[in-house]
Amino acid sequence: MAQFTYKDIEEFLLDDDFFQWARYGSSDNGFNLESYKLQHPGCEEKIELAVAMVRSMNCLLYTSPSPR
């Protein structure tokens, strides 16, 4: 895979529908990865990298500390 920077895949990471699909594997809006790739010709490797990044993230909920 070619080397890409964050800027190369930023538009995909900021796409809510894409992010939801990549994170949870499905979405209520009918997102389809193959159609998405067709909408962004030549960006297939970047899209695959963005999917891999989203799926490898660990998301933690922030909870405020208890008052003493």
PDB file of N, CA and C in Angstrom:
ATOM      1  N   MET A   1       0.854  -1.181   0.000  1.00  0.00           N
ATOM      2  CA  MET A   1       0.000   0.000   0.000  1.00  0.00           C
ATOM      3  C   MET A   1       0.895   1.238   0.000  1.00  0.00           C
ATOM      4  N   ALA A   2       0.516   2.186  -0.762  1.00  0.00           N
ATOM      5  CA  ALA A   2       1.272   3.434  -0.842  1.00  0.00           C
ATOM      6  C   ALA A   2       1.199   4.155   0.508  1.00  0.00           C
ATOM      7  N   GLN A   3       2.142   5.028   0.735  1.00  0.00           N
ATOM      8  CA  GLN A   3       2.153   5.800   1.971  1.00  0.00           C
ATOM      9  C   GLN A   3       1.275   7.031   1.807  1.00  0.00           C
ATOM     10  N   PHE A   4       0.364   7.204   2.727  1.00  0.00           N
ATOM     11  CA  PHE A   4      -0.533   8.353   2.707  1.00  0.00           C
ATOM     12  C   PHE A   4      -0.412   9.104   4.020  1.00  0.00           C
ATOM     13  N   THR A   5      -0.734  10.376   3.969  1.00  0.00           N
ATOM     14  CA  THR A   5      -0.764  11.189   5.177  1.00  0.00           C
ATOM     15  C   THR A   5      -2.212  11.335   5.632  1.00  0.00           C
ATOM     16  N   TYR A   6      -2.373  11.894   6.812  1.00  0.00           N
ATOM     17  CA  TYR A   6      -3.725  12.144   7.323  1.00  0.00           C
ATOM     18  C   TYR A   6      -4.514  13.007   6.346  1.00  0.00           C
ATOM     19  N   LYS A   7      -3.860  14.011   5.790  1.00  0.00           N
ATOM     20  CA  LYS A   7      -4.540  14.916   4.846  1.00  0.00           C
ATOM     21  C   LYS A   7      -5.092  14.149   3.646  1.00  0.00           C
ATOM     22  N   ASP A   8      -4.428  13.053   3.249  1.00  0.00           N
ATOM     23  CA  ASP A   8      -4.882  12.262   2.108  1.00  0.00           C
ATOM     24  C   ASP A   8      -6.205  11.549   2.379  1.00  0.00           C
ATOM     25  N   ILE A   9      -6.467  11.225   3.644  1.00  0.00           N
ATOM     26  CA  ILE A   9      -7.687  10.473   3.964  1.00  0.00           C
ATOM     27  C   ILE A   9      -8.655  11.257   4.837  1.00  0.00           C
ATOM     28  N   GLU A  10      -8.325  12.504   5.128  1.00  0.00           N
ATOM     29  CA  GLU A  10      -9.138  13.324   6.013  1.00  0.00           C
ATOM     30  C   GLU A  10     -10.585  13.425   5.560  1.00  0.00           C
ATOM     31  N   GLU A  11     -10.815  13.621   4.275  1.00  0.00           N
ATOM     32  CA  GLU A  11     -12.192  13.792   3.799  1.00  0.00           C
ATOM     33  C   GLU A  11     -13.043  12.560   4.093  1.00  0.00           C
ATOM     34  N   PHE A  12     -12.441  11.379   4.084  1.00  0.00           N
ATOM     35  CA  PHE A  12     -13.197  10.164   4.373  1.00  0.00           C
ATOM     36  C   PHE A  12     -13.472  10.036   5.873  1.00  0.00           C
ATOM     37  N   LEU A  13     -12.489  10.375   6.683  1.00  0.00           N
ATOM     38  CA  LEU A  13     -12.659  10.295   8.132  1.00  0.00           C
ATOM     39  C   LEU A  13     -13.686  11.295   8.644  1.00  0.00           C
ATOM     40  N   LEU A  14     -13.853  12.398   7.947  1.00  0.00           N
ATOM     41  CA  LEU A  14     -14.811  13.419   8.367  1.00  0.00           C
ATOM     42  C   LEU A  14     -16.208  13.198   7.797  1.00  0.00           C
ATOM     43  N   ASP A  15     -16.375  12.193   6.972  1.00  0.00           N
ATOM     44  CA  ASP A  15     -17.685  11.855   6.396  1.00  0.00           C
ATOM     45  C   ASP A  15     -18.440  11.009   7.431  1.00  0.00           C
ATOM     46  N   ASP A  16     -19.480  11.564   8.023  1.00  0.00           N
ATOM     47  CA  ASP A  16     -20.212  10.894   9.098  1.00  0.00           C
ATOM     48  C   ASP A  16     -20.752   9.525   8.693  1.00  0.00           C
ATOM     49  N   ASP A  17     -21.335   9.431   7.497  1.00  0.00           N
ATOM     50  CA  ASP A  17     -21.902   8.163   7.047  1.00  0.00           C
ATOM     51  C   ASP A  17     -20.819   7.107   6.880  1.00  0.00           C
ATOM     52  N   PHE A  18     -19.706   7.504   6.284  1.00  0.00           N
ATOM     53  CA  PHE A  18     -18.575   6.599   6.111  1.00  0.00           C
ATOM     54  C   PHE A  18     -18.042   6.150   7.466  1.00  0.00           C
ATOM     55  N   PHE A  19     -17.822   7.110   8.365  1.00  0.00           N
ATOM     56  CA  PHE A  19     -17.260   6.804   9.672  1.00  0.00           C
ATOM     57  C   PHE A  19     -18.161   5.841  10.435  1.00  0.00           C
ATOM     58  N   GLN A  20     -19.469   6.099  10.428  1.00  0.00           N
ATOM     59  CA  GLN A  20     -20.410   5.228  11.138  1.00  0.00           C
ATOM     60  C   GLN A  20     -20.363   3.813  10.571  1.00  0.00           C
ATOM     61  N   TRP A  21     -20.333   3.693   9.252  1.00  0.00           N
ATOM     62  CA  TRP A  21     -20.272   2.369   8.633  1.00  0.00           C
ATOM     63  C   TRP A  21     -18.965   1.669   9.005  1.00  0.00           C
ATOM     64  N   ALA A  22     -17.842   2.386   8.909  1.00  0.00           N
ATOM     65  CA  ALA A  22     -16.540   1.778   9.200  1.00  0.00           C
ATOM     66  C   ALA A  22     -16.429   1.379  10.669  1.00  0.00           C
ATOM     67  N   ARG A  23     -16.979   2.183  11.539  1.00  0.00           N
ATOM     68  CA  ARG A  23     -16.864   1.917  12.983  1.00  0.00           C
ATOM     69  C   ARG A  23     -17.767   0.776  13.432  1.00  0.00           C
ATOM     70  N   TYR A  24     -19.010   0.773  12.946  1.00  0.00           N
ATOM     71  CA  TYR A  24     -19.997  -0.167  13.461  1.00  0.00           C
ATOM     72  C   TYR A  24     -20.382  -1.267  12.476  1.00  0.00           C
ATOM     73  N   GLY A  25     -19.872  -1.197  11.239  1.00  0.00           N
ATOM     74  CA  GLY A  25     -20.122  -2.252  10.267  1.00  0.00           C
ATOM     75  C   GLY A  25     -21.425  -2.128   9.511  1.00  0.00           C
ATOM     76  N   SER A  26     -22.277  -1.266   9.942  1.00  0.00           N
ATOM     77  CA  SER A  26     -23.532  -1.036   9.229  1.00  0.00           C
ATOM     78  C   SER A  26     -24.024   0.351   9.597  1.00  0.00           C
ATOM     79  N   SER A  27     -24.972   0.819   8.833  1.00  0.00           N
ATOM     80  CA  SER A  27     -25.534   2.128   9.152  1.00  0.00           C
ATOM     81  C   SER A  27     -26.996   2.148   8.750  1.00  0.00           C
ATOM     82  N   ASP A  28     -27.741   3.017   9.379  1.00  0.00           N
ATOM     83  CA  ASP A  28     -29.169   3.126   9.109  1.00  0.00           C
ATOM     84  C   ASP A  28     -29.455   3.815   7.775  1.00  0.00           C
ATOM     85  N   ASN A  29     -28.442   4.455   7.206  1.00  0.00           N
ATOM     86  CA  ASN A  29     -28.666   5.228   5.992  1.00  0.00           C
ATOM     87  C   ASN A  29     -28.392   4.432   4.716  1.00  0.00           C
ATOM     88  N   GLY A  30     -28.121   3.137   4.826  1.00  0.00           N
ATOM     89  CA  GLY A  30     -27.895   2.308   3.650  1.00  0.00           C
ATOM     90  C   GLY A  30     -26.546   2.515   2.992  1.00  0.00           C
ATOM     91  N   PHE A  31     -25.551   2.929   3.742  1.00  0.00           N
ATOM     92  CA  PHE A  31     -24.214   3.154   3.194  1.00  0.00           C
ATOM     93  C   PHE A  31     -23.703   1.881   2.528  1.00  0.00           C
ATOM     94  N   ASN A  32     -23.091   2.030   1.356  1.00  0.00           N
ATOM     95  CA  ASN A  32     -22.536   0.900   0.616  1.00  0.00           C
ATOM     96  C   ASN A  32     -21.115   1.262   0.208  1.00  0.00           C
ATOM     97  N   LEU A  33     -20.153   0.466   0.663  1.00  0.00           N
ATOM     98  CA  LEU A  33     -18.743   0.783   0.420  1.00  0.00           C
ATOM     99  C   LEU A  33     -18.402   0.773  -1.063  1.00  0.00           C
ATOM    100  N   GLU A  34     -18.915  -0.180  -1.803  1.00  0.00           N
ATOM    101  CA  GLU A  34     -18.595  -0.250  -3.235  1.00  0.00           C
ATOM    102  C   GLU A  34     -19.134   0.970  -3.982  1.00  0.00           C
ATOM    103  N   SER A  35     -20.321   1.410  -3.656  1.00  0.00           N
ATOM    104  CA  SER A  35     -20.868   2.627  -4.272  1.00  0.00           C
ATOM    105  C   SER A  35     -20.042   3.844  -3.887  1.00  0.00           C
ATOM    106  N   TYR A  36     -19.596   3.871  -2.632  1.00  0.00           N
ATOM    107  CA  TYR A  36     -18.781   4.974  -2.145  1.00  0.00           C
ATOM    108  C   TYR A  36     -17.475   5.059  -2.920  1.00  0.00           C
ATOM    109  N   LYS A  37     -16.857   3.896  -3.168  1.00  0.00           N
ATOM    110  CA  LYS A  37     -15.615   3.865  -3.940  1.00  0.00           C
ATOM    111  C   LYS A  37     -15.852   4.345  -5.368  1.00  0.00           C
ATOM    112  N   LEU A  38     -17.004   4.024  -5.941  1.00  0.00           N
ATOM    113  CA  LEU A  38     -17.324   4.480  -7.294  1.00  0.00           C
ATOM    114  C   LEU A  38     -17.496   6.001  -7.343  1.00  0.00           C
ATOM    115  N   GLN A  39     -17.945   6.575  -6.245  1.00  0.00           N
ATOM    116  CA  GLN A  39     -18.109   8.031  -6.167  1.00  0.00           C
ATOM    117  C   GLN A  39     -16.766   8.739  -6.025  1.00  0.00           C
ATOM    118  N   HIS A  40     -15.734   8.002  -5.624  1.00  0.00           N
ATOM    119  CA  HIS A  40     -14.399   8.559  -5.413  1.00  0.00           C
ATOM    120  C   HIS A  40     -13.385   7.736  -6.211  1.00  0.00           C
ATOM    121  N   PRO A  41     -13.455   7.818  -7.544  1.00  0.00           N
ATOM    122  CA  PRO A  41     -12.551   6.996  -8.368  1.00  0.00           C
ATOM    123  C   PRO A  41     -11.078   7.327  -8.112  1.00  0.00           C
ATOM    124  N   GLY A  42     -10.258   6.279  -8.077  1.00  0.00           N
ATOM    125  CA  GLY A  42      -8.834   6.458  -7.840  1.00  0.00           C
ATOM    126  C   GLY A  42      -8.456   6.562  -6.379  1.00  0.00           C
ATOM    127  N   CYS A  43      -9.434   6.515  -5.491  1.00  0.00           N
ATOM    128  CA  CYS A  43      -9.173   6.676  -4.056  1.00  0.00           C
ATOM    129  C   CYS A  43      -9.390   5.383  -3.271  1.00  0.00           C
ATOM    130  N   GLU A  44      -9.447   4.264  -3.962  1.00  0.00           N
ATOM    131  CA  GLU A  44      -9.767   3.005  -3.297  1.00  0.00           C
ATOM    132  C   GLU A  44      -8.789   2.680  -2.167  1.00  0.00           C
ATOM    133  N   GLU A  45      -7.483   2.858  -2.402  1.00  0.00           N
ATOM    134  CA  GLU A  45      -6.496   2.564  -1.363  1.00  0.00           C
ATOM    135  C   GLU A  45      -6.634   3.519  -0.180  1.00  0.00           C
ATOM    136  N   LYS A  46      -6.926   4.766  -0.457  1.00  0.00           N
ATOM    137  CA  LYS A  46      -7.110   5.741   0.622  1.00  0.00           C
ATOM    138  C   LYS A  46      -8.337   5.379   1.451  1.00  0.00           C
ATOM    139  N   ILE A  47      -9.400   4.957   0.786  1.00  0.00           N
ATOM    140  CA  ILE A  47     -10.624   4.569   1.488  1.00  0.00           C
ATOM    141  C   ILE A  47     -10.360   3.347   2.353  1.00  0.00           C
ATOM    142  N   GLU A  48      -9.642   2.371   1.833  1.00  0.00           N
ATOM    143  CA  GLU A  48      -9.318   1.169   2.607  1.00  0.00           C
ATOM    144  C   GLU A  48      -8.469   1.528   3.822  1.00  0.00           C
ATOM    145  N   LEU A  49      -7.533   2.448   3.671  1.00  0.00           N
ATOM    146  CA  LEU A  49      -6.728   2.897   4.802  1.00  0.00           C
ATOM    147  C   LEU A  49      -7.604   3.587   5.838  1.00  0.00           C
ATOM    148  N   ALA A  50      -8.522   4.425   5.392  1.00  0.00           N
ATOM    149  CA  ALA A  50      -9.418   5.109   6.325  1.00  0.00           C
ATOM    150  C   ALA A  50     -10.278   4.102   7.079  1.00  0.00           C
ATOM    151  N   VAL A  51     -10.767   3.068   6.393  1.00  0.00           N
ATOM    152  CA  VAL A  51     -11.550   2.017   7.058  1.00  0.00           C
ATOM    153  C   VAL A  51     -10.690   1.340   8.122  1.00  0.00           C
ATOM    154  N   ALA A  52      -9.470   0.986   7.769  1.00  0.00           N
ATOM    155  CA  ALA A  52      -8.576   0.321   8.720  1.00  0.00           C
ATOM    156  C   ALA A  52      -8.296   1.209   9.927  1.00  0.00           C
ATOM    157  N   MET A  53      -8.095   2.494   9.707  1.00  0.00           N
ATOM    158  CA  MET A  53      -7.834   3.413  10.820  1.00  0.00           C
ATOM    159  C   MET A  53      -9.026   3.490  11.761  1.00  0.00           C
ATOM    160  N   VAL A  54     -10.216   3.655  11.188  1.00  0.00           N
ATOM    161  CA  VAL A  54     -11.413   3.776  12.022  1.00  0.00           C
ATOM    162  C   VAL A  54     -11.628   2.500  12.817  1.00  0.00           C
ATOM    163  N   ARG A  55     -11.451   1.369  12.178  1.00  0.00           N
ATOM    164  CA  ARG A  55     -11.695   0.086  12.860  1.00  0.00           C
ATOM    165  C   ARG A  55     -10.650  -0.223  13.920  1.00  0.00           C
ATOM    166  N   SER A  56      -9.482   0.389  13.831  1.00  0.00           N
ATOM    167  CA  SER A  56      -8.443   0.121  14.825  1.00  0.00           C
ATOM    168  C   SER A  56      -8.496   1.086  16.003  1.00  0.00           C
ATOM    169  N   MET A  57      -9.375   2.068  15.957  1.00  0.00           N
ATOM    170  CA  MET A  57      -9.469   3.053  17.033  1.00  0.00           C
ATOM    171  C   MET A  57     -10.123   2.460  18.276  1.00  0.00           C
ATOM    172  N   ASN A  58      -9.645   2.891  19.400  1.00  0.00           N
ATOM    173  CA  ASN A  58     -10.292   2.590  20.674  1.00  0.00           C
ATOM    174  C   ASN A  58     -10.909   3.888  21.160  1.00  0.00           C
ATOM    175  N   CYS A  59     -12.205   3.889  21.312  1.00  0.00           N
ATOM    176  CA  CYS A  59     -12.899   5.090  21.756  1.00  0.00           C
ATOM    177  C   CYS A  59     -13.285   4.927  23.225  1.00  0.00           C
ATOM    178  N   LEU A  60     -12.928   5.910  24.006  1.00  0.00           N
ATOM    179  CA  LEU A  60     -13.238   5.896  25.423  1.00  0.00           C
ATOM    180  C   LEU A  60     -14.169   7.050  25.744  1.00  0.00           C
ATOM    181  N   LEU A  61     -15.127   6.798  26.597  1.00  0.00           N
ATOM    182  CA  LEU A  61     -16.019   7.856  27.047  1.00  0.00           C
ATOM    183  C   LEU A  61     -15.351   8.590  28.192  1.00  0.00           C
ATOM    184  N   TYR A  62     -15.400   9.897  28.147  1.00  0.00           N
ATOM    185  CA  TYR A  62     -14.835  10.692  29.225  1.00  0.00           C
ATOM    186  C   TYR A  62     -15.885  10.848  30.312  1.00  0.00           C
ATOM    187  N   THR A  63     -15.507  10.551  31.505  1.00  0.00           N
ATOM    188  CA  THR A  63     -16.400  10.806  32.646  1.00  0.00           C
ATOM    189  C   THR A  63     -15.665  11.740  33.582  1.00  0.00           C
ATOM    190  N   SER A  64     -16.365  12.713  34.062  1.00  0.00           N
ATOM    191  CA  SER A  64     -15.726  13.675  34.951  1.00  0.00           C
ATOM    192  C   SER A  64     -15.454  13.011  36.301  1.00  0.00           C
ATOM    193  N   PRO A  65     -14.391  13.413  36.936  1.00  0.00           N
ATOM    194  CA  PRO A  65     -14.052  12.826  38.241  1.00  0.00           C
ATOM    195  C   PRO A  65     -15.113  13.148  39.288  1.00  0.00           C
ATOM    196  N   SER A  66     -15.283  12.249  40.209  1.00  0.00           N
ATOM    197  CA  SER A  66     -16.242  12.472  41.300  1.00  0.00           C
ATOM    198  C   SER A  66     -15.754  13.568  42.224  1.00  0.00           C
ATOM    199  N   PRO A  67     -16.673  14.408  42.676  1.00  0.00           N
ATOM    200  CA  PRO A  67     -16.256  15.456  43.636  1.00  0.00           C
ATOM    201  C   PRO A  67     -15.843  14.801  44.955  1.00  0.00           C
ATOM    202  N   ARG A  68     -14.916  15.402  45.636  1.00  0.00           N
ATOM    203  CA  ARG A  68     -14.426  14.854  46.904  1.00  0.00           C
ATOM    204  C   ARG A  68     -15.203  15.335  48.056  1.00  0.00           C
TER     205      ARG A  68
END
